[in-house]
């Protein structure tokens, strides 16, 4: 995201601008880091961005074709990722939860198609409060608890086995290979093996009128 706070060059070595367009954010950012990468799905945008960098005598920025759909991808690891006007065009939850998506994408490689979880029923888009207000329980009290949850590779694998999908039985003798692939995928995203997930737990208490 864009921020008005200055970037400390000593702390930031590599920065990425996702959905960089013509480099209007990437080029100024590059002056404050040792290396920068601009990523955009449109080749014409990248050409204009490269021209902007040359015109500004900025030489520490590279350009790559790609989009949020390519995450986590092979772009590398970054201390700062910026998204200006591009963020609203993206699948925002997917962008911010790359490791969860990567694990989900692994399952079709190891499980038969008919065993994969099917999408849940379509939502009407109506809020919980609105639906409850016209139910026999119209008095609704809503509380949001915000906290962070830390995951490790072992905890993520354990969670996968704890869901309603009978993963152990379905994997059979491919279980070890699956676990190794999950671990390798997660460590490629975050070599420390520690993942911090921001959680907003929304609690609705509904009572009779």
N, C-alpha and C. Protein backbone atom coordinates (compact mmCIF):
# COMPACT_ATOMS: atom_id res chain seq x y z
N UNK A 1 0.83 -1.18 0.00
CA UNK A 1 0.00 0.00 0.00
C UNK A 1 0.88 1.24 0.00
N UNK A 2 0.33 2.31 -0.47
CA UNK A 2 1.08 3.54 -0.43
C UNK A 2 1.09 4.09 0.98
N UNK A 3 2.16 4.74 1.34
CA UNK A 3 2.29 5.33 2.67
C UNK A 3 3.07 6.60 2.56
N UNK A 4 2.75 7.58 3.40
CA UNK A 4 3.48 8.82 3.39
C UNK A 4 4.73 8.76 4.24
N UNK A 5 4.94 7.66 4.95
CA UNK A 5 6.11 7.55 5.81
C UNK A 5 7.37 7.32 4.99
N UNK A 6 8.47 7.95 5.32
CA UNK A 6 9.71 7.72 4.59
C UNK A 6 10.24 6.32 4.83
N UNK A 7 10.94 5.78 3.85
CA UNK A 7 11.50 4.44 3.95
C UNK A 7 12.97 4.54 4.31
N UNK A 8 13.37 3.81 5.32
CA UNK A 8 14.76 3.80 5.76
C UNK A 8 15.57 2.87 4.86
N UNK A 9 16.49 3.43 4.09
CA UNK A 9 17.27 2.63 3.15
C UNK A 9 18.06 1.54 3.86
N UNK A 10 18.49 1.79 5.10
CA UNK A 10 19.29 0.81 5.80
C UNK A 10 18.47 -0.42 6.18
N UNK A 11 17.16 -0.25 6.30
CA UNK A 11 16.32 -1.36 6.72
C UNK A 11 15.71 -2.10 5.53
N UNK A 12 15.53 -1.43 4.40
CA UNK A 12 14.85 -2.02 3.27
C UNK A 12 15.85 -2.27 2.15
N UNK A 13 16.07 -3.54 1.82
CA UNK A 13 17.02 -3.86 0.77
C UNK A 13 16.32 -4.11 -0.56
N UNK A 14 15.16 -4.77 -0.53
CA UNK A 14 14.46 -5.12 -1.76
C UNK A 14 13.00 -4.76 -1.62
N UNK A 15 12.46 -4.05 -2.62
CA UNK A 15 11.06 -3.65 -2.60
C UNK A 15 10.39 -4.07 -3.89
N UNK A 16 9.10 -4.37 -3.81
CA UNK A 16 8.32 -4.80 -4.96
C UNK A 16 7.11 -3.89 -5.10
N UNK A 17 6.82 -3.49 -6.32
CA UNK A 17 5.61 -2.72 -6.61
C UNK A 17 4.70 -3.58 -7.47
N UNK A 18 3.61 -4.07 -6.90
CA UNK A 18 2.71 -5.00 -7.57
C UNK A 18 1.62 -4.21 -8.28
N UNK A 19 1.48 -4.45 -9.59
CA UNK A 19 0.57 -3.64 -10.39
C UNK A 19 1.18 -2.27 -10.61
N UNK A 20 2.45 -2.27 -11.09
CA UNK A 20 3.24 -1.04 -11.10
C UNK A 20 2.81 -0.05 -12.16
N UNK A 21 2.08 -0.50 -13.20
CA UNK A 21 1.68 0.42 -14.25
C UNK A 21 2.89 1.01 -14.94
N UNK A 22 2.89 2.33 -15.10
CA UNK A 22 3.99 3.00 -15.78
C UNK A 22 5.12 3.40 -14.83
N UNK A 23 5.12 2.84 -13.63
CA UNK A 23 6.22 3.07 -12.71
C UNK A 23 6.11 4.34 -11.90
N UNK A 24 4.91 4.93 -11.84
CA UNK A 24 4.77 6.20 -11.13
C UNK A 24 5.05 6.08 -9.64
N UNK A 25 4.90 4.89 -9.06
CA UNK A 25 5.24 4.67 -7.66
C UNK A 25 6.59 3.96 -7.54
N UNK A 26 6.87 3.04 -8.46
CA UNK A 26 8.09 2.23 -8.38
C UNK A 26 9.36 3.06 -8.53
N UNK A 27 9.37 3.96 -9.50
CA UNK A 27 10.59 4.73 -9.76
C UNK A 27 10.97 5.62 -8.58
N UNK A 28 10.04 6.40 -8.01
CA UNK A 28 10.42 7.17 -6.81
C UNK A 28 10.82 6.28 -5.63
N UNK A 29 10.14 5.13 -5.48
CA UNK A 29 10.46 4.21 -4.40
C UNK A 29 11.88 3.68 -4.54
N UNK A 30 12.30 3.41 -5.77
CA UNK A 30 13.62 2.81 -6.00
C UNK A 30 14.76 3.64 -5.45
N UNK A 31 14.57 4.93 -5.34
CA UNK A 31 15.62 5.80 -4.82
C UNK A 31 15.88 5.57 -3.33
N UNK A 32 14.96 4.88 -2.66
CA UNK A 32 15.07 4.71 -1.21
C UNK A 32 15.42 3.28 -0.80
N UNK A 33 15.68 2.40 -1.78
CA UNK A 33 16.01 1.01 -1.49
C UNK A 33 17.21 0.61 -2.34
N UNK A 34 17.80 -0.53 -2.01
CA UNK A 34 18.95 -0.98 -2.79
C UNK A 34 18.51 -1.62 -4.10
N UNK A 35 17.36 -2.34 -4.08
CA UNK A 35 16.84 -2.95 -5.30
C UNK A 35 15.32 -2.82 -5.30
N UNK A 36 14.74 -2.68 -6.51
CA UNK A 36 13.29 -2.62 -6.63
C UNK A 36 12.86 -3.43 -7.84
N UNK A 37 11.64 -3.96 -7.79
CA UNK A 37 11.06 -4.71 -8.89
C UNK A 37 9.66 -4.20 -9.14
N UNK A 38 9.35 -3.88 -10.38
CA UNK A 38 8.00 -3.50 -10.76
C UNK A 38 7.34 -4.64 -11.52
N UNK A 39 6.12 -5.02 -11.11
CA UNK A 39 5.42 -6.15 -11.71
C UNK A 39 4.08 -5.66 -12.26
N UNK A 40 3.78 -5.99 -13.51
CA UNK A 40 2.51 -5.60 -14.12
C UNK A 40 2.17 -6.62 -15.21
N UNK A 41 0.87 -6.90 -15.43
CA UNK A 41 0.50 -7.88 -16.46
C UNK A 41 0.60 -7.34 -17.88
N UNK A 42 0.70 -6.01 -18.06
CA UNK A 42 0.67 -5.43 -19.39
C UNK A 42 2.08 -5.06 -19.87
N UNK A 43 2.57 -5.68 -20.96
CA UNK A 43 3.91 -5.38 -21.45
C UNK A 43 4.10 -3.90 -21.80
N UNK A 44 3.04 -3.27 -22.33
CA UNK A 44 3.17 -1.86 -22.70
C UNK A 44 3.43 -0.99 -21.48
N UNK A 45 2.81 -1.33 -20.38
CA UNK A 45 3.03 -0.59 -19.14
C UNK A 45 4.49 -0.72 -18.69
N UNK A 46 5.04 -1.93 -18.81
CA UNK A 46 6.41 -2.16 -18.39
C UNK A 46 7.40 -1.39 -19.27
N UNK A 47 7.09 -1.28 -20.56
CA UNK A 47 7.95 -0.49 -21.44
C UNK A 47 7.96 0.97 -21.01
N UNK A 48 6.78 1.51 -20.73
CA UNK A 48 6.70 2.90 -20.28
C UNK A 48 7.40 3.09 -18.94
N UNK A 49 7.26 2.10 -18.07
CA UNK A 49 7.91 2.19 -16.76
C UNK A 49 9.43 2.20 -16.91
N UNK A 50 9.95 1.34 -17.79
CA UNK A 50 11.39 1.30 -18.02
C UNK A 50 11.88 2.63 -18.60
N UNK A 51 11.09 3.22 -19.51
CA UNK A 51 11.45 4.53 -20.06
C UNK A 51 11.47 5.60 -18.97
N UNK A 52 10.49 5.53 -18.07
CA UNK A 52 10.44 6.49 -16.97
C UNK A 52 11.68 6.36 -16.08
N UNK A 53 12.08 5.12 -15.80
CA UNK A 53 13.26 4.90 -14.96
C UNK A 53 14.52 5.46 -15.63
N UNK A 54 14.67 5.18 -16.94
CA UNK A 54 15.84 5.70 -17.64
C UNK A 54 15.85 7.23 -17.66
N UNK A 55 14.67 7.82 -17.87
CA UNK A 55 14.59 9.27 -17.88
C UNK A 55 14.88 9.89 -16.54
N UNK A 56 14.70 9.13 -15.47
CA UNK A 56 14.97 9.63 -14.12
C UNK A 56 16.32 9.17 -13.60
N UNK A 57 17.12 8.50 -14.47
CA UNK A 57 18.44 8.00 -14.08
C UNK A 57 18.37 7.03 -12.91
N UNK A 58 17.32 6.23 -12.88
CA UNK A 58 17.16 5.20 -11.86
C UNK A 58 17.60 3.87 -12.46
N UNK A 59 18.62 3.25 -11.87
CA UNK A 59 19.20 2.04 -12.46
C UNK A 59 19.06 0.79 -11.59
N UNK A 60 18.46 0.93 -10.41
CA UNK A 60 18.38 -0.22 -9.50
C UNK A 60 17.00 -0.86 -9.49
N UNK A 61 16.24 -0.70 -10.58
CA UNK A 61 14.91 -1.28 -10.65
C UNK A 61 14.82 -2.20 -11.86
N UNK A 62 14.19 -3.37 -11.67
CA UNK A 62 13.94 -4.32 -12.75
C UNK A 62 12.44 -4.41 -12.95
N UNK A 63 12.03 -4.96 -14.11
CA UNK A 63 10.61 -5.04 -14.45
C UNK A 63 10.26 -6.47 -14.85
N UNK A 64 9.10 -6.94 -14.42
CA UNK A 64 8.69 -8.32 -14.71
C UNK A 64 7.21 -8.35 -15.03
N UNK A 65 6.85 -9.16 -16.01
CA UNK A 65 5.44 -9.32 -16.35
C UNK A 65 4.80 -10.33 -15.40
N UNK A 66 3.70 -9.96 -14.81
CA UNK A 66 3.00 -10.83 -13.88
C UNK A 66 1.88 -10.08 -13.21
N UNK A 67 1.14 -10.77 -12.36
CA UNK A 67 0.00 -10.16 -11.68
C UNK A 67 -0.21 -10.84 -10.34
N UNK A 68 -1.22 -10.38 -9.62
CA UNK A 68 -1.54 -10.99 -8.33
C UNK A 68 -1.95 -12.45 -8.47
N UNK A 69 -2.41 -12.85 -9.68
CA UNK A 69 -2.78 -14.24 -9.91
C UNK A 69 -1.57 -15.16 -9.88
N UNK A 70 -0.37 -14.58 -10.03
CA UNK A 70 0.84 -15.40 -10.06
C UNK A 70 1.43 -15.64 -8.68
N UNK A 71 0.85 -15.03 -7.65
CA UNK A 71 1.41 -15.19 -6.32
C UNK A 71 1.26 -16.62 -5.83
N UNK A 72 2.23 -17.19 -5.07
CA UNK A 72 3.44 -16.53 -4.63
C UNK A 72 4.51 -16.37 -5.71
N UNK A 73 4.49 -17.23 -6.74
CA UNK A 73 5.37 -17.04 -7.88
C UNK A 73 6.85 -17.15 -7.56
N UNK A 74 7.65 -16.71 -8.51
CA UNK A 74 9.11 -16.84 -8.39
C UNK A 74 9.77 -15.46 -8.34
N UNK A 75 9.05 -14.47 -7.89
CA UNK A 75 9.59 -13.11 -7.89
C UNK A 75 10.64 -12.90 -6.81
N UNK A 76 10.61 -13.71 -5.77
CA UNK A 76 11.58 -13.57 -4.69
C UNK A 76 10.92 -13.10 -3.41
N UNK A 77 11.75 -12.67 -2.47
CA UNK A 77 11.27 -12.19 -1.17
C UNK A 77 11.56 -10.70 -1.07
N UNK A 78 10.63 -9.97 -0.44
CA UNK A 78 10.74 -8.52 -0.40
C UNK A 78 10.47 -8.01 1.01
N UNK A 79 11.16 -6.93 1.36
CA UNK A 79 10.93 -6.29 2.65
C UNK A 79 9.69 -5.38 2.58
N UNK A 80 9.43 -4.81 1.41
CA UNK A 80 8.29 -3.90 1.23
C UNK A 80 7.59 -4.26 -0.07
N UNK A 81 6.27 -4.35 -0.04
CA UNK A 81 5.48 -4.52 -1.25
C UNK A 81 4.48 -3.37 -1.31
N UNK A 82 4.44 -2.66 -2.43
CA UNK A 82 3.53 -1.54 -2.58
C UNK A 82 2.48 -1.86 -3.63
N UNK A 83 1.25 -1.42 -3.36
CA UNK A 83 0.16 -1.50 -4.32
C UNK A 83 -0.59 -0.19 -4.22
N UNK A 84 -0.56 0.58 -5.28
CA UNK A 84 -1.23 1.87 -5.26
C UNK A 84 -2.67 1.72 -5.73
N UNK A 85 -2.95 2.22 -6.90
CA UNK A 85 -4.31 2.14 -7.43
C UNK A 85 -4.65 0.76 -7.97
N UNK A 86 -3.70 -0.16 -7.89
CA UNK A 86 -3.93 -1.50 -8.44
C UNK A 86 -4.68 -2.41 -7.48
N UNK A 87 -4.66 -2.12 -6.18
CA UNK A 87 -5.16 -3.07 -5.18
C UNK A 87 -6.64 -3.39 -5.37
N UNK A 88 -7.44 -2.38 -5.76
CA UNK A 88 -8.87 -2.64 -5.88
C UNK A 88 -9.22 -3.50 -7.08
N UNK A 89 -8.26 -3.70 -8.01
CA UNK A 89 -8.50 -4.57 -9.14
C UNK A 89 -8.18 -6.03 -8.82
N UNK A 90 -7.57 -6.27 -7.69
CA UNK A 90 -7.08 -7.61 -7.37
C UNK A 90 -8.09 -8.38 -6.52
N UNK A 91 -7.87 -9.69 -6.49
CA UNK A 91 -8.53 -10.52 -5.49
C UNK A 91 -7.79 -10.25 -4.18
N UNK A 92 -8.27 -9.27 -3.42
CA UNK A 92 -7.50 -8.74 -2.29
C UNK A 92 -7.20 -9.80 -1.25
N UNK A 93 -8.17 -10.65 -0.93
CA UNK A 93 -7.93 -11.68 0.08
C UNK A 93 -6.86 -12.65 -0.39
N UNK A 94 -6.87 -12.98 -1.69
CA UNK A 94 -5.86 -13.90 -2.21
C UNK A 94 -4.48 -13.27 -2.13
N UNK A 95 -4.39 -12.00 -2.47
CA UNK A 95 -3.09 -11.33 -2.42
C UNK A 95 -2.50 -11.38 -1.02
N UNK A 96 -3.34 -11.17 -0.01
CA UNK A 96 -2.86 -11.08 1.36
C UNK A 96 -2.73 -12.43 2.04
N UNK A 97 -3.18 -13.48 1.41
CA UNK A 97 -3.10 -14.81 2.02
C UNK A 97 -2.45 -15.79 1.04
N UNK A 98 -1.28 -15.41 0.51
CA UNK A 98 -0.63 -16.23 -0.52
C UNK A 98 -0.32 -17.63 -0.03
N UNK A 99 0.07 -17.78 1.23
CA UNK A 99 0.47 -19.12 1.67
C UNK A 99 -0.74 -20.04 1.80
N UNK A 100 -1.90 -19.49 2.24
CA UNK A 100 -3.10 -20.33 2.30
C UNK A 100 -3.50 -20.80 0.90
N UNK A 101 -3.44 -19.86 -0.05
CA UNK A 101 -3.81 -20.20 -1.42
C UNK A 101 -2.86 -21.25 -1.99
N UNK A 102 -1.57 -21.12 -1.70
CA UNK A 102 -0.59 -22.07 -2.22
C UNK A 102 -0.87 -23.48 -1.71
N UNK A 103 -1.26 -23.60 -0.44
CA UNK A 103 -1.58 -24.92 0.12
C UNK A 103 -2.84 -25.48 -0.54
N UNK A 104 -3.85 -24.63 -0.75
CA UNK A 104 -5.07 -25.08 -1.42
C UNK A 104 -4.78 -25.59 -2.82
N UNK A 105 -3.88 -24.90 -3.52
CA UNK A 105 -3.57 -25.29 -4.89
C UNK A 105 -2.84 -26.61 -4.98
N UNK A 106 -2.23 -27.04 -3.88
CA UNK A 106 -1.52 -28.32 -3.88
C UNK A 106 -2.47 -29.51 -3.89
N UNK A 107 -3.60 -29.38 -3.24
CA UNK A 107 -4.46 -30.54 -3.00
C UNK A 107 -4.93 -31.24 -4.27
N UNK A 108 -5.30 -30.50 -5.34
CA UNK A 108 -5.74 -31.22 -6.55
C UNK A 108 -4.67 -32.12 -7.16
N UNK A 109 -3.40 -31.86 -6.85
CA UNK A 109 -2.32 -32.68 -7.38
C UNK A 109 -2.23 -34.04 -6.67
N UNK A 110 -2.81 -34.13 -5.49
CA UNK A 110 -2.69 -35.36 -4.70
C UNK A 110 -4.02 -36.07 -4.47
N UNK A 111 -5.13 -35.37 -4.71
CA UNK A 111 -6.43 -35.95 -4.40
C UNK A 111 -7.26 -36.12 -5.67
N UNK A 112 -8.11 -37.15 -5.70
CA UNK A 112 -9.01 -37.30 -6.85
C UNK A 112 -9.99 -36.13 -6.91
N UNK A 113 -10.41 -35.78 -8.10
CA UNK A 113 -11.27 -34.61 -8.28
C UNK A 113 -12.54 -34.70 -7.45
N UNK A 114 -13.14 -35.89 -7.42
CA UNK A 114 -14.41 -36.03 -6.71
C UNK A 114 -14.27 -35.87 -5.20
N UNK A 115 -13.04 -35.94 -4.68
CA UNK A 115 -12.83 -35.81 -3.24
C UNK A 115 -12.59 -34.37 -2.81
N UNK A 116 -12.35 -33.47 -3.77
CA UNK A 116 -12.04 -32.09 -3.42
C UNK A 116 -13.27 -31.40 -2.85
N UNK A 117 -13.08 -30.48 -1.89
CA UNK A 117 -14.21 -29.78 -1.31
C UNK A 117 -14.98 -29.00 -2.37
N UNK A 118 -16.29 -29.08 -2.30
CA UNK A 118 -17.13 -28.33 -3.25
C UNK A 118 -17.46 -26.98 -2.66
N UNK A 119 -17.71 -25.98 -3.50
CA UNK A 119 -18.07 -24.65 -2.97
C UNK A 119 -19.32 -24.72 -2.13
N UNK A 120 -19.37 -23.89 -1.12
CA UNK A 120 -20.54 -23.84 -0.26
C UNK A 120 -21.71 -23.19 -0.97
N UNK A 121 -22.90 -23.18 -0.35
CA UNK A 121 -24.06 -22.57 -0.98
C UNK A 121 -23.83 -21.09 -1.20
N UNK A 122 -24.36 -20.57 -2.28
CA UNK A 122 -24.19 -19.16 -2.60
C UNK A 122 -24.85 -18.30 -1.53
N UNK A 123 -24.18 -17.23 -1.16
CA UNK A 123 -24.72 -16.32 -0.17
C UNK A 123 -25.58 -15.26 -0.84
N UNK A 124 -26.62 -14.84 -0.16
CA UNK A 124 -27.49 -13.80 -0.70
C UNK A 124 -26.85 -12.43 -0.61
N UNK A 125 -25.75 -12.33 0.15
CA UNK A 125 -25.13 -11.04 0.34
C UNK A 125 -25.74 -10.25 1.49
N UNK A 126 -26.80 -10.76 2.09
CA UNK A 126 -27.45 -10.08 3.20
C UNK A 126 -26.58 -10.21 4.45
N UNK A 127 -26.50 -9.14 5.22
CA UNK A 127 -25.69 -9.18 6.43
C UNK A 127 -26.33 -10.08 7.48
N UNK A 128 -25.51 -10.57 8.40
CA UNK A 128 -26.04 -11.40 9.48
C UNK A 128 -27.05 -10.63 10.31
N UNK A 129 -26.72 -9.36 10.60
CA UNK A 129 -27.61 -8.55 11.44
C UNK A 129 -28.98 -8.38 10.80
N UNK A 130 -29.00 -8.15 9.48
CA UNK A 130 -30.26 -7.95 8.78
C UNK A 130 -31.10 -9.22 8.79
N UNK A 131 -30.44 -10.34 8.55
CA UNK A 131 -31.17 -11.61 8.54
C UNK A 131 -31.74 -11.93 9.93
N UNK A 132 -30.92 -11.71 10.96
CA UNK A 132 -31.37 -12.01 12.32
C UNK A 132 -32.48 -11.05 12.77
N UNK A 133 -32.45 -9.83 12.27
CA UNK A 133 -33.43 -8.83 12.69
C UNK A 133 -34.86 -9.23 12.33
N UNK A 134 -35.04 -10.01 11.29
CA UNK A 134 -36.39 -10.45 10.91
C UNK A 134 -36.63 -11.92 11.28
N UNK A 135 -35.79 -12.43 12.18
CA UNK A 135 -35.95 -13.80 12.67
C UNK A 135 -36.57 -13.77 14.06
N UNK A 136 -36.82 -14.92 14.67
CA UNK A 136 -37.31 -14.93 16.06
C UNK A 136 -36.27 -14.44 17.07
N UNK A 137 -35.07 -14.13 16.61
CA UNK A 137 -33.99 -13.67 17.49
C UNK A 137 -33.47 -12.31 16.99
N UNK A 138 -34.30 -11.27 17.11
CA UNK A 138 -33.96 -9.99 16.47
C UNK A 138 -33.01 -9.10 17.26
N UNK A 139 -32.78 -9.41 18.53
CA UNK A 139 -31.88 -8.58 19.32
C UNK A 139 -30.45 -9.09 19.14
N UNK A 140 -29.67 -8.33 18.41
CA UNK A 140 -28.33 -8.80 18.01
C UNK A 140 -27.26 -7.90 18.62
N UNK A 141 -26.31 -8.56 19.25
CA UNK A 141 -25.14 -7.85 19.79
C UNK A 141 -23.92 -8.36 19.04
N UNK A 142 -23.18 -7.45 18.44
CA UNK A 142 -22.04 -7.81 17.59
C UNK A 142 -20.75 -7.31 18.22
N UNK A 143 -19.78 -8.22 18.34
CA UNK A 143 -18.46 -7.89 18.88
C UNK A 143 -17.40 -8.46 17.95
N UNK A 144 -16.35 -7.68 17.71
CA UNK A 144 -15.23 -8.15 16.89
C UNK A 144 -13.99 -8.23 17.76
N UNK A 145 -13.39 -9.41 17.79
CA UNK A 145 -12.15 -9.63 18.52
C UNK A 145 -11.01 -9.72 17.50
N UNK A 146 -10.06 -8.82 17.59
CA UNK A 146 -8.93 -8.82 16.66
C UNK A 146 -7.67 -9.33 17.35
N UNK A 147 -6.99 -10.24 16.69
CA UNK A 147 -5.76 -10.79 17.25
C UNK A 147 -4.94 -11.40 16.11
N UNK A 148 -3.76 -11.85 16.41
CA UNK A 148 -2.94 -12.52 15.40
C UNK A 148 -2.76 -13.98 15.78
N UNK A 149 -2.69 -14.81 14.77
CA UNK A 149 -2.49 -16.24 14.96
C UNK A 149 -1.19 -16.63 14.27
N UNK A 150 -0.33 -17.34 14.99
CA UNK A 150 0.95 -17.76 14.40
C UNK A 150 0.86 -19.21 13.97
N UNK A 151 1.29 -19.44 12.72
CA UNK A 151 1.30 -20.78 12.18
C UNK A 151 2.75 -21.22 11.93
N UNK A 152 3.00 -22.50 12.11
CA UNK A 152 4.25 -23.11 11.67
C UNK A 152 3.90 -24.15 10.62
N UNK A 153 4.90 -24.69 9.95
CA UNK A 153 4.65 -25.71 8.95
C UNK A 153 3.93 -26.91 9.56
N UNK A 154 4.38 -27.36 10.72
CA UNK A 154 3.75 -28.51 11.37
C UNK A 154 2.31 -28.22 11.76
N UNK A 155 2.05 -27.01 12.24
CA UNK A 155 0.68 -26.66 12.63
C UNK A 155 -0.23 -26.60 11.41
N UNK A 156 0.29 -26.11 10.29
CA UNK A 156 -0.53 -26.05 9.08
C UNK A 156 -0.87 -27.45 8.59
N UNK A 157 0.13 -28.35 8.58
CA UNK A 157 -0.13 -29.73 8.17
C UNK A 157 -1.14 -30.36 9.11
N UNK A 158 -0.98 -30.15 10.42
CA UNK A 158 -1.93 -30.70 11.39
C UNK A 158 -3.33 -30.17 11.18
N UNK A 159 -3.43 -28.89 10.84
CA UNK A 159 -4.75 -28.30 10.58
C UNK A 159 -5.41 -28.96 9.37
N UNK A 160 -4.62 -29.20 8.33
CA UNK A 160 -5.18 -29.83 7.13
C UNK A 160 -5.78 -31.20 7.46
N UNK A 161 -5.12 -31.93 8.37
CA UNK A 161 -5.63 -33.24 8.75
C UNK A 161 -6.83 -33.16 9.69
N UNK A 162 -7.07 -31.98 10.27
CA UNK A 162 -8.16 -31.84 11.25
C UNK A 162 -9.47 -31.41 10.61
N UNK A 163 -9.48 -31.08 9.33
CA UNK A 163 -10.71 -30.63 8.68
C UNK A 163 -11.63 -31.82 8.40
N UNK A 164 -12.82 -31.52 7.90
CA UNK A 164 -13.80 -32.58 7.65
C UNK A 164 -13.39 -33.49 6.49
N UNK A 165 -12.45 -33.03 5.66
CA UNK A 165 -11.96 -33.86 4.56
C UNK A 165 -11.08 -34.97 5.11
N UNK A 166 -11.41 -36.25 4.83
CA UNK A 166 -10.59 -37.36 5.36
C UNK A 166 -9.26 -37.47 4.61
N UNK A 167 -8.39 -36.52 4.87
CA UNK A 167 -7.18 -36.37 4.08
C UNK A 167 -6.24 -37.57 4.22
N UNK A 168 -6.08 -38.08 5.43
CA UNK A 168 -5.16 -39.21 5.62
C UNK A 168 -5.57 -40.41 4.77
N UNK A 169 -6.87 -40.71 4.80
CA UNK A 169 -7.35 -41.87 4.04
C UNK A 169 -7.22 -41.63 2.54
N UNK A 170 -7.55 -40.41 2.10
CA UNK A 170 -7.51 -40.11 0.67
C UNK A 170 -6.08 -40.11 0.12
N UNK A 171 -5.13 -39.67 0.93
CA UNK A 171 -3.75 -39.62 0.47
C UNK A 171 -3.12 -41.01 0.41
N UNK A 172 -3.47 -41.86 1.35
CA UNK A 172 -2.92 -43.20 1.36
C UNK A 172 -1.40 -43.17 1.43
N UNK A 173 -0.74 -43.90 0.51
CA UNK A 173 0.72 -43.97 0.55
C UNK A 173 1.39 -42.71 -0.03
N UNK A 174 0.59 -41.72 -0.43
CA UNK A 174 1.15 -40.46 -0.92
C UNK A 174 1.22 -39.40 0.20
N UNK A 175 0.91 -39.82 1.41
CA UNK A 175 0.87 -38.87 2.52
C UNK A 175 2.22 -38.21 2.74
N UNK A 176 3.30 -38.98 2.77
CA UNK A 176 4.62 -38.41 3.03
C UNK A 176 5.01 -37.42 1.93
N UNK A 177 4.71 -37.78 0.67
CA UNK A 177 5.04 -36.88 -0.43
C UNK A 177 4.24 -35.59 -0.34
N UNK A 178 2.98 -35.70 0.07
CA UNK A 178 2.14 -34.51 0.23
C UNK A 178 2.70 -33.59 1.31
N UNK A 179 3.07 -34.16 2.45
CA UNK A 179 3.60 -33.35 3.54
C UNK A 179 4.91 -32.67 3.12
N UNK A 180 5.75 -33.38 2.39
CA UNK A 180 7.00 -32.79 1.93
C UNK A 180 6.75 -31.65 0.96
N UNK A 181 5.77 -31.81 0.09
CA UNK A 181 5.45 -30.76 -0.88
C UNK A 181 4.85 -29.53 -0.19
N UNK A 182 4.00 -29.76 0.79
CA UNK A 182 3.43 -28.65 1.56
C UNK A 182 4.56 -27.88 2.25
N UNK A 183 5.46 -28.61 2.90
CA UNK A 183 6.57 -27.96 3.61
C UNK A 183 7.45 -27.17 2.66
N UNK A 184 7.77 -27.75 1.51
CA UNK A 184 8.63 -27.06 0.54
C UNK A 184 7.96 -25.81 0.01
N UNK A 185 6.67 -25.88 -0.26
CA UNK A 185 5.93 -24.73 -0.78
C UNK A 185 5.89 -23.61 0.25
N UNK A 186 5.61 -23.95 1.50
CA UNK A 186 5.53 -22.94 2.54
C UNK A 186 6.88 -22.30 2.81
N UNK A 187 7.94 -23.11 2.83
CA UNK A 187 9.27 -22.56 3.11
C UNK A 187 9.79 -21.71 1.95
N UNK A 188 9.29 -21.97 0.73
CA UNK A 188 9.67 -21.12 -0.39
C UNK A 188 9.05 -19.73 -0.25
N UNK A 189 7.88 -19.67 0.39
CA UNK A 189 7.23 -18.38 0.62
C UNK A 189 7.85 -17.67 1.80
N UNK A 190 8.12 -18.42 2.88
CA UNK A 190 8.68 -17.83 4.10
C UNK A 190 9.68 -18.82 4.70
N UNK A 191 10.99 -18.64 4.41
CA UNK A 191 11.99 -19.60 4.86
C UNK A 191 12.05 -19.81 6.37
N UNK A 192 11.58 -18.85 7.14
CA UNK A 192 11.59 -19.03 8.60
C UNK A 192 10.58 -20.07 9.05
N UNK A 193 9.60 -20.36 8.19
CA UNK A 193 8.58 -21.33 8.56
C UNK A 193 7.57 -20.82 9.56
N UNK A 194 7.52 -19.52 9.77
CA UNK A 194 6.58 -18.93 10.71
C UNK A 194 5.69 -17.94 9.95
N UNK A 195 4.39 -18.10 10.09
CA UNK A 195 3.43 -17.30 9.36
C UNK A 195 2.47 -16.63 10.34
N UNK A 196 2.35 -15.32 10.22
CA UNK A 196 1.47 -14.56 11.11
C UNK A 196 0.19 -14.20 10.36
N UNK A 197 -0.93 -14.64 10.89
CA UNK A 197 -2.23 -14.38 10.26
C UNK A 197 -3.04 -13.41 11.11
N UNK A 198 -3.40 -12.24 10.57
CA UNK A 198 -4.29 -11.35 11.30
C UNK A 198 -5.71 -11.92 11.28
N UNK A 199 -6.34 -11.96 12.41
CA UNK A 199 -7.67 -12.55 12.52
C UNK A 199 -8.64 -11.52 13.10
N UNK A 200 -9.79 -11.41 12.48
CA UNK A 200 -10.88 -10.60 13.02
C UNK A 200 -12.05 -11.55 13.26
N UNK A 201 -12.24 -11.93 14.50
CA UNK A 201 -13.29 -12.88 14.87
C UNK A 201 -14.56 -12.11 15.20
N UNK A 202 -15.56 -12.29 14.37
CA UNK A 202 -16.83 -11.58 14.53
C UNK A 202 -17.82 -12.47 15.25
N UNK A 203 -18.32 -12.00 16.38
CA UNK A 203 -19.24 -12.78 17.21
C UNK A 203 -20.60 -12.09 17.25
N UNK A 204 -21.64 -12.82 16.87
CA UNK A 204 -23.00 -12.29 16.95
C UNK A 204 -23.77 -13.07 18.01
N UNK A 205 -24.34 -12.35 18.95
CA UNK A 205 -25.20 -12.96 19.96
C UNK A 205 -26.62 -12.49 19.71
N UNK A 206 -27.52 -13.41 19.41
CA UNK A 206 -28.90 -13.07 19.08
C UNK A 206 -29.86 -13.66 20.12
N UNK A 207 -30.75 -12.82 20.60
CA UNK A 207 -31.74 -13.26 21.59
C UNK A 207 -33.14 -12.93 21.10
N UNK A 208 -34.12 -13.56 21.71
CA UNK A 208 -35.51 -13.35 21.32
C UNK A 208 -35.96 -11.93 21.69
N UNK A 209 -36.92 -11.43 20.92
CA UNK A 209 -37.45 -10.09 21.19
C UNK A 209 -38.36 -10.06 22.39
